[in-house]
Protein backbone atom coordinates (compact mmCIF):
# COMPACT_ATOMS: atom_id res chain seq x y z
CA UNK A 1 -58.14 -110.06 -141.82
CA UNK A 2 -57.71 -107.91 -144.95
CA UNK A 3 -60.05 -105.01 -145.80
CA UNK A 4 -61.40 -104.52 -149.30
CA UNK A 5 -58.72 -102.07 -151.00
CA UNK A 6 -61.17 -99.23 -151.69
CA UNK A 7 -58.35 -96.59 -152.04
CA UNK A 8 -56.41 -98.45 -154.76
CA UNK A 9 -59.44 -99.31 -156.52
CA UNK A 10 -60.53 -95.68 -156.93
CA UNK A 11 -57.63 -95.00 -159.27
CA UNK A 12 -58.12 -98.08 -161.49
CA UNK A 13 -60.14 -97.81 -164.66
CA UNK A 14 -62.15 -100.89 -166.15
CA UNK A 15 -63.20 -101.03 -169.73
CA UNK A 16 -66.61 -103.07 -169.89
CA UNK A 17 -67.64 -104.30 -173.32
CA UNK A 18 -70.62 -106.36 -174.12
CA UNK A 19 -74.31 -106.85 -174.44
CA UNK A 20 -75.80 -103.83 -172.87
CA UNK A 21 -79.65 -104.12 -171.67
CA UNK A 22 -82.28 -102.53 -169.59
CA UNK A 23 -84.02 -104.57 -166.79
CA UNK A 24 -87.51 -103.10 -166.37
CA UNK A 25 -89.54 -104.39 -163.25
CA UNK A 26 -93.29 -103.72 -162.66
CA UNK A 27 -94.16 -104.44 -159.07
CA UNK A 28 -97.82 -104.85 -157.92
CA UNK A 29 -100.38 -106.84 -155.95
CA UNK A 30 -102.32 -109.92 -156.97
CA UNK A 31 -105.72 -110.51 -155.52
CA UNK A 32 -107.80 -112.16 -158.35
CA UNK A 33 -107.53 -114.21 -161.45
CA UNK A 34 -108.45 -112.91 -164.91
CA UNK A 35 -111.88 -113.78 -166.27
CA UNK A 36 -110.42 -113.83 -169.71
CA UNK A 37 -107.73 -116.56 -169.04
CA UNK A 38 -106.47 -118.54 -166.06
CA UNK A 39 -103.66 -116.01 -165.29
CA UNK A 40 -103.34 -113.57 -162.28
CA UNK A 41 -104.09 -110.09 -162.55
CA UNK A 42 -101.34 -107.77 -161.30
CA UNK A 43 -102.32 -104.30 -160.23
CA UNK A 44 -99.07 -102.34 -160.96
CA UNK A 45 -98.00 -99.99 -158.19
CA UNK A 46 -94.41 -99.30 -158.94
CA UNK A 47 -91.98 -99.36 -161.66
CA UNK A 48 -88.18 -99.50 -161.62
CA UNK A 49 -85.45 -99.71 -164.38
CA UNK A 50 -82.03 -101.11 -163.63
CA UNK A 51 -78.84 -101.50 -165.80
CA UNK A 52 -78.47 -105.27 -167.00
CA UNK A 53 -76.03 -107.24 -168.82
CA UNK A 54 -72.71 -105.70 -169.35
CA UNK A 55 -74.06 -102.39 -167.98
CA UNK A 56 -74.64 -104.19 -164.74
CA UNK A 57 -70.96 -105.26 -164.64
CA UNK A 58 -69.98 -101.60 -164.97
CA UNK A 59 -72.47 -100.55 -162.56
CA UNK A 60 -70.96 -103.08 -159.96
CA UNK A 61 -67.41 -101.74 -160.89
CA UNK A 62 -68.60 -98.26 -160.09
CA UNK A 63 -70.38 -99.31 -156.92
CA UNK A 64 -67.12 -101.04 -155.72
CA UNK A 65 -65.29 -97.78 -156.23
CA UNK A 66 -63.66 -98.44 -159.49
CA UNK A 67 -63.93 -96.12 -162.64
CA UNK A 68 -65.92 -97.89 -165.25
CA UNK A 69 -66.24 -97.14 -168.93
CA UNK A 70 -69.16 -98.82 -170.78
CA UNK A 71 -69.01 -100.03 -174.31
CA UNK A 72 -72.17 -101.74 -175.99
CA UNK A 73 -74.95 -101.14 -178.40
CA UNK A 74 -78.37 -99.70 -177.78
CA UNK A 75 -81.30 -98.62 -179.98
CA UNK A 76 -82.20 -95.15 -180.74
CA UNK A 77 -85.46 -95.50 -178.42
CA UNK A 78 -86.68 -94.71 -174.93
CA UNK A 79 -85.03 -97.74 -173.46
CA UNK A 80 -81.75 -96.62 -174.96
CA UNK A 81 -82.07 -93.26 -173.57
CA UNK A 82 -82.83 -94.86 -170.06
CA UNK A 83 -79.62 -96.69 -170.18
CA UNK A 84 -77.67 -93.45 -170.96
CA UNK A 85 -79.32 -91.78 -167.95
CA UNK A 86 -78.96 -94.70 -165.64
CA UNK A 87 -75.09 -94.97 -166.57
CA UNK A 88 -74.56 -91.21 -165.66
CA UNK A 89 -76.16 -91.62 -162.44
CA UNK A 90 -74.04 -94.48 -161.58
CA UNK A 91 -70.89 -92.58 -162.53
CA UNK A 92 -70.27 -94.76 -165.63
CA UNK A 93 -68.44 -93.17 -168.56
CA UNK A 94 -70.58 -94.05 -171.65
CA UNK A 95 -69.08 -95.30 -174.99
CA UNK A 96 -72.66 -96.59 -176.17
CA UNK A 97 -73.27 -96.93 -179.89
CA UNK A 98 -76.76 -96.27 -181.32
CA UNK A 99 -78.31 -98.77 -183.72
CA UNK A 100 -81.29 -96.95 -185.08
CA UNK A 101 -82.45 -100.06 -186.92
CA UNK A 102 -82.83 -102.22 -184.00
CA UNK A 103 -84.39 -101.91 -180.45
CA UNK A 104 -82.52 -101.81 -177.15
CA UNK A 105 -82.31 -105.09 -175.49
CA UNK A 106 -85.12 -104.94 -172.84
CA UNK A 107 -86.20 -107.53 -170.31
CA UNK A 108 -89.34 -106.43 -168.71
CA UNK A 109 -90.36 -108.53 -165.68
CA UNK A 110 -93.72 -108.40 -163.75
CA UNK A 111 -93.70 -109.31 -160.16
CA UNK A 112 -96.62 -109.94 -157.82
CA UNK A 113 -95.94 -110.04 -154.09
CA UNK A 114 -92.31 -110.22 -154.77
CA UNK A 115 -92.54 -113.24 -157.08
CA UNK A 116 -91.89 -112.88 -160.88
CA UNK A 117 -94.80 -113.85 -162.67
CA UNK A 118 -93.86 -112.92 -166.36
CA UNK A 119 -90.69 -111.75 -168.36
CA UNK A 120 -91.05 -110.08 -171.80
CA UNK A 121 -87.93 -109.67 -173.85
CA UNK A 122 -87.35 -107.36 -176.68
CA UNK A 123 -83.91 -108.05 -178.65
CA UNK A 124 -82.36 -107.99 -182.03
CA UNK A 125 -78.74 -108.72 -182.89
CA UNK A 126 -76.72 -105.56 -183.85
CA UNK A 127 -76.02 -104.84 -187.47
CA UNK A 128 -72.63 -104.86 -188.96
CA UNK A 129 -72.44 -101.07 -189.05
CA UNK A 130 -73.14 -100.99 -185.25
CA UNK A 131 -70.34 -103.45 -184.64
CA UNK A 132 -67.87 -101.29 -186.72
CA UNK A 133 -68.90 -98.36 -184.53
CA UNK A 134 -68.24 -100.60 -181.32
CA UNK A 135 -64.75 -101.41 -182.70
CA UNK A 136 -63.99 -97.83 -183.14
CA UNK A 137 -65.14 -97.20 -179.49
CA UNK A 138 -63.03 -99.86 -178.10
CA UNK A 139 -59.78 -98.78 -179.93
CA UNK A 140 -60.48 -95.10 -178.55
CA UNK A 141 -61.14 -96.23 -175.10
CA UNK A 142 -58.60 -99.10 -174.61
CA UNK A 143 -55.54 -96.76 -173.95
CA UNK A 144 -55.40 -95.92 -170.20
CA UNK A 145 -57.35 -98.73 -168.91
CA UNK A 146 -56.27 -101.32 -166.55
CA UNK A 147 -58.54 -104.24 -167.29
CA UNK A 148 -60.89 -105.10 -170.05
CA UNK A 149 -64.00 -106.88 -169.18
CA UNK A 150 -66.01 -108.82 -171.90
CA UNK A 151 -69.53 -109.58 -170.95
CA UNK A 152 -71.23 -112.00 -173.30
CA UNK A 153 -74.96 -112.64 -173.17
CA UNK A 154 -75.12 -113.95 -176.78
CA UNK A 155 -77.04 -110.89 -177.91
CA UNK A 156 -74.52 -110.19 -180.67
CA UNK A 157 -72.44 -107.27 -179.29
CA UNK A 158 -69.39 -109.51 -178.84
CA UNK A 159 -69.70 -110.89 -182.54
CA UNK A 160 -66.23 -110.10 -183.20
CA UNK A 161 -64.81 -111.02 -179.50
CA UNK A 162 -61.63 -112.59 -180.71
CA UNK A 163 -60.44 -109.29 -182.44
CA UNK A 164 -61.11 -107.30 -179.11
CA UNK A 165 -58.97 -109.91 -177.22
CA UNK A 166 -56.20 -109.64 -179.81
CA UNK A 167 -56.26 -105.95 -179.50
CA UNK A 168 -56.21 -105.87 -175.75
CA UNK A 169 -53.44 -108.40 -175.66
CA UNK A 170 -51.28 -106.33 -177.84
CA UNK A 171 -51.84 -103.32 -175.66
CA UNK A 172 -50.78 -105.54 -172.63
CA UNK A 173 -54.12 -105.23 -170.95
CA UNK A 174 -55.62 -108.18 -169.11
CA UNK A 175 -58.91 -109.43 -170.56
CA UNK A 176 -61.63 -111.03 -168.25
CA UNK A 177 -64.50 -112.85 -169.94
CA UNK A 178 -67.93 -113.98 -168.80
CA UNK A 179 -68.66 -116.61 -171.64
CA UNK A 180 -71.76 -117.88 -173.44
CA UNK A 181 -72.37 -121.00 -175.34
CA UNK A 182 -70.18 -123.86 -175.93
CA UNK A 183 -67.62 -122.63 -178.56
CA UNK A 184 -65.10 -121.23 -176.28
CA UNK A 185 -62.33 -121.01 -179.23
CA UNK A 186 -63.52 -117.48 -179.73
CA UNK A 187 -62.15 -116.56 -176.32
CA UNK A 188 -58.75 -117.99 -177.07
CA UNK A 189 -55.99 -115.57 -175.67
CA UNK A 190 -58.20 -114.00 -172.85
CA UNK A 191 -56.58 -113.77 -169.35
CA UNK A 192 -59.45 -115.30 -167.49
CA UNK A 193 -62.68 -116.92 -168.34
CA UNK A 194 -65.45 -117.36 -165.71
CA UNK A 195 -68.23 -119.99 -166.82
CA UNK A 196 -70.79 -121.09 -164.47
CA UNK A 197 -71.31 -124.73 -163.84
CA UNK A 198 -73.82 -125.28 -166.76
CA UNK A 199 -71.59 -123.23 -169.18
CA UNK A 200 -68.67 -125.42 -168.23
CA UNK A 201 -70.46 -128.55 -168.83
CA UNK A 202 -71.46 -127.41 -172.37
CA UNK A 203 -67.80 -126.57 -172.93
CA UNK A 204 -66.16 -129.73 -171.60
CA UNK A 205 -68.87 -132.35 -170.94
CA UNK A 206 -69.91 -133.73 -167.55
CA UNK A 207 -67.36 -134.64 -165.14
CA UNK A 208 -67.66 -137.65 -162.60
CA UNK A 209 -65.36 -136.32 -159.81
CA UNK A 210 -63.27 -133.34 -158.81
CA UNK A 211 -60.25 -134.87 -160.14
CA UNK A 212 -62.15 -135.23 -163.58
CA UNK A 213 -63.13 -131.65 -163.49
CA UNK A 214 -59.65 -130.56 -162.78
CA UNK A 215 -58.27 -132.52 -165.78
CA UNK A 216 -60.96 -131.21 -168.22
CA UNK A 217 -60.54 -127.61 -166.78
CA UNK A 218 -56.74 -127.51 -167.20
CA UNK A 219 -56.94 -129.01 -170.71
CA UNK A 220 -59.39 -126.16 -171.58
CA UNK A 221 -57.24 -123.61 -170.09
CA UNK A 222 -54.25 -124.75 -171.85
CA UNK A 223 -56.17 -125.11 -175.32
CA UNK A 224 -57.24 -121.45 -174.84
CA UNK A 225 -54.08 -120.21 -173.63
CA UNK A 226 -55.68 -118.67 -170.62
CA UNK A 227 -53.75 -117.55 -167.45
CA UNK A 228 -56.82 -118.66 -165.33
CA UNK A 229 -60.16 -120.42 -165.47
CA UNK A 230 -62.69 -119.71 -162.69
CA UNK A 231 -65.77 -122.00 -162.47
CA UNK A 232 -68.70 -120.57 -160.43
CA UNK A 233 -70.71 -123.52 -158.99
CA UNK A 234 -73.59 -121.84 -157.21
CA UNK A 235 -74.02 -123.76 -153.77
CA UNK A 236 -70.80 -125.55 -154.29
CA UNK A 237 -68.67 -122.15 -154.31
CA UNK A 238 -66.02 -121.41 -156.60
CA UNK A 239 -62.96 -123.36 -158.27
CA UNK A 240 -60.00 -121.67 -159.88
CA UNK A 241 -57.55 -123.36 -162.25
CA UNK A 242 -54.17 -121.82 -162.96
CA UNK A 243 -50.73 -122.97 -163.82
CA UNK A 244 -50.15 -123.33 -160.08
CA UNK A 245 -53.09 -125.89 -159.79
CA UNK A 246 -56.53 -125.84 -158.31
CA UNK A 247 -58.03 -123.51 -155.63
CA UNK A 248 -61.56 -123.74 -154.29
CA UNK A 249 -63.66 -121.58 -151.96
CA UNK A 250 -66.96 -122.84 -150.55
CA UNK A 251 -70.15 -120.70 -151.10
CA UNK A 252 -70.88 -118.13 -148.43
CA UNK A 253 -73.64 -119.00 -146.06
CA UNK A 254 -76.52 -116.83 -146.87
CA UNK A 255 -80.38 -116.79 -147.99
CA UNK A 256 -80.80 -116.95 -151.80
CA UNK A 257 -83.47 -114.49 -152.86
CA UNK A 258 -82.44 -113.97 -156.55
CA UNK A 259 -79.56 -114.98 -158.61
CA UNK A 260 -80.31 -112.40 -161.32
CA UNK A 261 -77.14 -110.70 -162.29
CA UNK A 262 -74.92 -112.51 -159.45
CA UNK A 263 -72.30 -113.23 -162.41
CA UNK A 264 -71.97 -109.68 -163.30
CA UNK A 265 -71.17 -108.94 -159.61
CA UNK A 266 -68.68 -111.78 -159.45
CA UNK A 267 -67.09 -110.59 -162.80
CA UNK A 268 -66.84 -106.87 -161.60
CA UNK A 269 -65.20 -107.88 -158.23
CA UNK A 270 -62.61 -109.87 -160.04
CA UNK A 271 -61.90 -106.94 -162.48
CA UNK A 272 -61.14 -104.44 -159.70
CA UNK A 273 -59.24 -106.75 -157.45
CA UNK A 274 -56.87 -107.83 -160.32
CA UNK A 275 -56.64 -104.31 -161.50
CA UNK A 276 -54.91 -103.61 -158.11
CA UNK A 277 -52.70 -106.63 -158.63
CA UNK A 278 -54.32 -109.01 -156.26
CA UNK A 279 -53.29 -112.63 -156.71
CA UNK A 280 -56.01 -114.88 -158.44
CA UNK A 281 -56.91 -116.89 -155.18
CA UNK A 282 -57.56 -113.82 -153.10
CA UNK A 283 -59.46 -112.14 -155.92
CA UNK A 284 -61.76 -115.22 -156.11
CA UNK A 285 -62.37 -115.03 -152.39
CA UNK A 286 -63.58 -111.48 -152.62
CA UNK A 287 -65.73 -112.34 -155.74
CA UNK A 288 -67.31 -115.33 -153.74
CA UNK A 289 -67.94 -112.92 -150.94
CA UNK A 290 -69.70 -110.31 -153.34
CA UNK A 291 -71.65 -112.99 -154.95
CA UNK A 292 -72.95 -114.24 -151.63
CA UNK A 293 -74.24 -110.80 -150.74
CA UNK A 294 -75.89 -109.90 -154.11
CA UNK A 295 -78.11 -112.98 -154.28
CA UNK A 296 -79.75 -111.88 -151.12
CA UNK A 297 -81.12 -108.95 -153.12
CA UNK A 298 -84.09 -108.63 -155.52
CA UNK A 299 -83.03 -108.37 -159.25
CA UNK A 300 -79.96 -107.07 -160.79
CA UNK A 301 -78.16 -105.35 -157.81
CA UNK A 302 -74.79 -104.23 -156.87
CA UNK A 303 -72.57 -104.90 -153.71
CA UNK A 304 -70.72 -101.91 -152.23
CA UNK A 305 -67.13 -102.09 -150.70
CA UNK A 306 -68.75 -101.38 -147.15
CA UNK A 307 -71.00 -104.34 -147.65
CA UNK A 308 -67.92 -106.70 -148.19
CA UNK A 309 -66.28 -105.84 -144.94
CA UNK A 310 -63.01 -107.75 -144.13
CA UNK A 311 -61.87 -110.98 -145.55
CA UNK A 312 -60.64 -113.41 -142.91
């Protein structure tokens, strides 16, 4: 049995960079259909805002006991101010850049009886000036951090991701990437990349066996000069590929309520465990445990060290 290393993690600093967004939830009751169109009428009873995207990764780092710094782009609007406030409440050090010409990325969800009925997204890609400011924030905060986490939701904040990876490598700081899309060349030189099953298929094509997956994964890992590649596979667990070969862990037995943000929790757990020098296979097992806990919660959520307990 091994306990989650809370004391060691509390002294580690994680720099989270990427697509910051606000997850807004409107909860209500549904008891009739609109006479204007065949849609349910939701009588809103409660509203809740949560940090999303890269901000949710930082929130999970803080919940696990680490020191999180968050760099991203927000708009000069109410949602951007809300992200600032929520970050401060979570104990996250902000390095946020304001792009006055674009709105903060906002995902608004309407739920009736705990079921999501509608999601409305507000988003625009950041302009070049905002990316210049983000680069400056990254260079200012990089010294003194133990791990860099790049959270890519394809909203544009990581439009210059290769430059960020190169700067971190030059500083000797490991880089963990949650990727997006199928052009993984932009992540070349990172320490770890964590595609989910669908993203991995986009990157290497469909595999027909575990041996075929291993061949494709190790080829991708070599091509991108990665230390490790972790494929998260939902109910099939997680599979890690390193220079030592393949390691696999089965999914935790749990009731899946909502998978929103589970990848953020996994990434944050990998970051804090690697920051204290934990080997990749053990870090993967803690990340798998954390992912199993968070999918039992509604919406983008966090996992605490106490919830993780001991790893047998």
